[in-house]
């Protein structure tokens, strides 16, 4: 917990927030498969899909689309790590900041006052 408290500073949180905004505002729209065809939906946003759905999607994408889809998967791998780190550091910062302690007292699970 002490390591997280040392890391949870406003500059670190601001950098992670900026990286999250970069993902949301630039990378996700840039790697959208709908830019290839308006009828395509990536597998991530579907509630379920079958082998036939995957096969149809990859046939519709073609070789260039599959290459783009691989790049999307790389971006999708790092975004949860960045977002989770931001969320955890915000929780630690808000839970340990003296000025905000009264407003965020319910966040402090280690201190049963």
C-alpha atoms as a PDB file:
ATOM      1  CA  UNK A   1       0.000   0.000   0.000  1.00  0.00           C
ATOM      2  CA  UNK A   2       2.903   2.369   0.714  1.00  0.00           C
ATOM      3  CA  UNK A   3       4.204   1.937  -2.828  1.00  0.00           C
ATOM      4  CA  UNK A   4       0.802   2.888  -4.252  1.00  0.00           C
ATOM      5  CA  UNK A   5       0.674   5.957  -2.017  1.00  0.00           C
ATOM      6  CA  UNK A   6       4.081   7.055  -3.328  1.00  0.00           C
ATOM      7  CA  UNK A   7       2.978   6.584  -6.931  1.00  0.00           C
ATOM      8  CA  UNK A   8      -0.494   8.146  -6.500  1.00  0.00           C
ATOM      9  CA  UNK A   9       0.447  11.755  -7.198  1.00  0.00           C
ATOM     10  CA  UNK A  10      -1.341  14.264  -9.393  1.00  0.00           C
ATOM     11  CA  UNK A  11       1.308  14.271 -12.171  1.00  0.00           C
ATOM     12  CA  UNK A  12       1.114  10.469 -12.528  1.00  0.00           C
ATOM     13  CA  UNK A  13      -2.680  10.549 -12.473  1.00  0.00           C
ATOM     14  CA  UNK A  14      -2.703  13.356 -15.052  1.00  0.00           C
ATOM     15  CA  UNK A  15      -0.406  11.388 -17.365  1.00  0.00           C
ATOM     16  CA  UNK A  16      -2.582   8.260 -17.097  1.00  0.00           C
ATOM     17  CA  UNK A  17      -5.683  10.366 -17.719  1.00  0.00           C
ATOM     18  CA  UNK A  18      -4.067  11.857 -20.832  1.00  0.00           C
ATOM     19  CA  UNK A  19      -3.144   8.366 -22.075  1.00  0.00           C
ATOM     20  CA  UNK A  20      -6.751   7.218 -21.522  1.00  0.00           C
ATOM     21  CA  UNK A  21      -8.012  10.213 -23.494  1.00  0.00           C
ATOM     22  CA  UNK A  22      -5.530   9.379 -26.267  1.00  0.00           C
ATOM     23  CA  UNK A  23      -6.950   5.860 -26.452  1.00  0.00           C
ATOM     24  CA  UNK A  24     -10.562   7.017 -26.492  1.00  0.00           C
ATOM     25  CA  UNK A  25     -10.280  10.049 -28.751  1.00  0.00           C
ATOM     26  CA  UNK A  26      -7.621   8.914 -31.224  1.00  0.00           C
ATOM     27  CA  UNK A  27      -6.715   5.226 -31.206  1.00  0.00           C
ATOM     28  CA  UNK A  28     -10.161   3.661 -30.959  1.00  0.00           C
ATOM     29  CA  UNK A  29     -11.667   5.772 -33.777  1.00  0.00           C
ATOM     30  CA  UNK A  30      -8.505   5.307 -35.872  1.00  0.00           C
ATOM     31  CA  UNK A  31      -8.622   1.504 -35.647  1.00  0.00           C
ATOM     32  CA  UNK A  32     -12.360   1.167 -36.144  1.00  0.00           C
ATOM     33  CA  UNK A  33     -13.242  -1.572 -38.643  1.00  0.00           C
ATOM     34  CA  UNK A  34     -16.318   0.401 -39.647  1.00  0.00           C
ATOM     35  CA  UNK A  35     -13.914   2.569 -41.633  1.00  0.00           C
ATOM     36  CA  UNK A  36     -13.481  -0.468 -43.899  1.00  0.00           C
ATOM     37  CA  UNK A  37     -17.188  -1.226 -44.207  1.00  0.00           C
ATOM     38  CA  UNK A  38     -20.185   0.308 -42.476  1.00  0.00           C
ATOM     39  CA  UNK A  39     -21.861  -3.101 -42.108  1.00  0.00           C
ATOM     40  CA  UNK A  40     -19.065  -4.635 -40.012  1.00  0.00           C
ATOM     41  CA  UNK A  41     -19.168  -4.909 -36.239  1.00  0.00           C
ATOM     42  CA  UNK A  42     -16.075  -6.001 -34.353  1.00  0.00           C
ATOM     43  CA  UNK A  43     -16.416  -9.028 -32.123  1.00  0.00           C
ATOM     44  CA  UNK A  44     -15.708  -7.074 -28.920  1.00  0.00           C
ATOM     45  CA  UNK A  45     -18.995  -5.194 -28.972  1.00  0.00           C
ATOM     46  CA  UNK A  46     -21.188  -8.221 -29.653  1.00  0.00           C
ATOM     47  CA  UNK A  47     -22.843 -10.024 -26.773  1.00  0.00           C
ATOM     48  CA  UNK A  48     -22.188 -13.367 -28.450  1.00  0.00           C
ATOM     49  CA  UNK A  49     -20.912 -14.695 -31.738  1.00  0.00           C
ATOM     50  CA  UNK A  50     -20.436 -18.013 -33.451  1.00  0.00           C
ATOM     51  CA  UNK A  51     -17.691 -19.486 -35.587  1.00  0.00           C
ATOM     52  CA  UNK A  52     -19.692 -18.519 -38.658  1.00  0.00           C
ATOM     53  CA  UNK A  53     -19.816 -14.874 -37.476  1.00  0.00           C
ATOM     54  CA  UNK A  54     -16.037 -14.833 -37.043  1.00  0.00           C
ATOM     55  CA  UNK A  55     -15.503 -16.469 -40.412  1.00  0.00           C
ATOM     56  CA  UNK A  56     -17.854 -14.007 -42.143  1.00  0.00           C
ATOM     57  CA  UNK A  57     -16.154 -11.043 -40.461  1.00  0.00           C
ATOM     58  CA  UNK A  58     -12.674 -12.142 -41.509  1.00  0.00           C
ATOM     59  CA  UNK A  59     -13.814 -12.858 -45.061  1.00  0.00           C
ATOM     60  CA  UNK A  60     -15.363  -9.389 -45.266  1.00  0.00           C
ATOM     61  CA  UNK A  61     -12.248  -7.737 -43.811  1.00  0.00           C
ATOM     62  CA  UNK A  62      -9.782  -9.351 -46.177  1.00  0.00           C
ATOM     63  CA  UNK A  63      -6.022  -9.423 -45.619  1.00  0.00           C
ATOM     64  CA  UNK A  64      -5.699  -5.690 -44.889  1.00  0.00           C
ATOM     65  CA  UNK A  65      -8.639  -5.788 -42.517  1.00  0.00           C
ATOM     66  CA  UNK A  66      -7.227  -8.744 -40.603  1.00  0.00           C
ATOM     67  CA  UNK A  67      -3.945  -6.863 -40.206  1.00  0.00           C
ATOM     68  CA  UNK A  68      -5.890  -3.884 -38.858  1.00  0.00           C
ATOM     69  CA  UNK A  69      -7.858  -6.191 -36.554  1.00  0.00           C
ATOM     70  CA  UNK A  70      -4.593  -7.537 -35.086  1.00  0.00           C
ATOM     71  CA  UNK A  71      -3.541  -3.969 -34.363  1.00  0.00           C
ATOM     72  CA  UNK A  72      -6.901  -3.365 -32.676  1.00  0.00           C
ATOM     73  CA  UNK A  73      -6.245  -6.344 -30.421  1.00  0.00           C
ATOM     74  CA  UNK A  74      -2.903  -4.870 -29.361  1.00  0.00           C
ATOM     75  CA  UNK A  75      -4.580  -1.567 -28.504  1.00  0.00           C
ATOM     76  CA  UNK A  76      -7.352  -3.439 -26.655  1.00  0.00           C
ATOM     77  CA  UNK A  77      -4.736  -5.253 -24.581  1.00  0.00           C
ATOM     78  CA  UNK A  78      -3.112  -2.130 -23.185  1.00  0.00           C
ATOM     79  CA  UNK A  79      -6.211   0.008 -22.591  1.00  0.00           C
ATOM     80  CA  UNK A  80      -7.556  -2.023 -19.627  1.00  0.00           C
ATOM     81  CA  UNK A  81      -4.132  -1.867 -17.978  1.00  0.00           C
ATOM     82  CA  UNK A  82      -3.952   1.912 -18.310  1.00  0.00           C
ATOM     83  CA  UNK A  83      -7.575   2.439 -17.256  1.00  0.00           C
ATOM     84  CA  UNK A  84      -7.284   0.136 -14.231  1.00  0.00           C
ATOM     85  CA  UNK A  85      -4.052   1.806 -13.122  1.00  0.00           C
ATOM     86  CA  UNK A  86      -5.726   5.204 -13.392  1.00  0.00           C
ATOM     87  CA  UNK A  87      -8.733   4.030 -11.402  1.00  0.00           C
ATOM     88  CA  UNK A  88      -6.636   2.435  -8.628  1.00  0.00           C
ATOM     89  CA  UNK A  89      -4.330   5.444  -8.298  1.00  0.00           C
ATOM     90  CA  UNK A  90      -7.332   7.798  -8.148  1.00  0.00           C
ATOM     91  CA  UNK A  91      -8.847   5.688  -5.371  1.00  0.00           C
ATOM     92  CA  UNK A  92      -5.575   5.677  -3.410  1.00  0.00           C
ATOM     93  CA  UNK A  93      -5.071   9.410  -3.940  1.00  0.00           C
ATOM     94  CA  UNK A  94      -8.590  10.325  -2.894  1.00  0.00           C
ATOM     95  CA  UNK A  95      -8.462   7.973   0.079  1.00  0.00           C
ATOM     96  CA  UNK A  96      -5.187   9.360   1.413  1.00  0.00           C
ATOM     97  CA  UNK A  97      -5.423  13.081   0.610  1.00  0.00           C
ATOM     98  CA  UNK A  98      -5.985  14.991   3.835  1.00  0.00           C
ATOM     99  CA  UNK A  99      -8.142  17.674   2.242  1.00  0.00           C
ATOM    100  CA  UNK A 100     -10.395  15.165   0.546  1.00  0.00           C
ATOM    101  CA  UNK A 101     -10.499  12.625   3.379  1.00  0.00           C
ATOM    102  CA  UNK A 102     -13.783  13.849   4.827  1.00  0.00           C
ATOM    103  CA  UNK A 103     -15.546  13.757   1.465  1.00  0.00           C
ATOM    104  CA  UNK A 104     -14.093  10.353   0.604  1.00  0.00           C
ATOM    105  CA  UNK A 105     -14.178   8.706   4.028  1.00  0.00           C
ATOM    106  CA  UNK A 106     -16.268   5.837   2.686  1.00  0.00           C
ATOM    107  CA  UNK A 107     -13.385   4.909   0.348  1.00  0.00           C
ATOM    108  CA  UNK A 108     -11.026   4.184   3.209  1.00  0.00           C
ATOM    109  CA  UNK A 109     -11.551   0.493   3.871  1.00  0.00           C
ATOM    110  CA  UNK A 110      -8.405   0.053   5.993  1.00  0.00           C
ATOM    111  CA  UNK A 111      -9.486   2.476   8.720  1.00  0.00           C
ATOM    112  CA  UNK A 112     -12.687   1.222  10.432  1.00  0.00           C
ATOM    113  CA  UNK A 113     -13.678   4.480  12.180  1.00  0.00           C
END
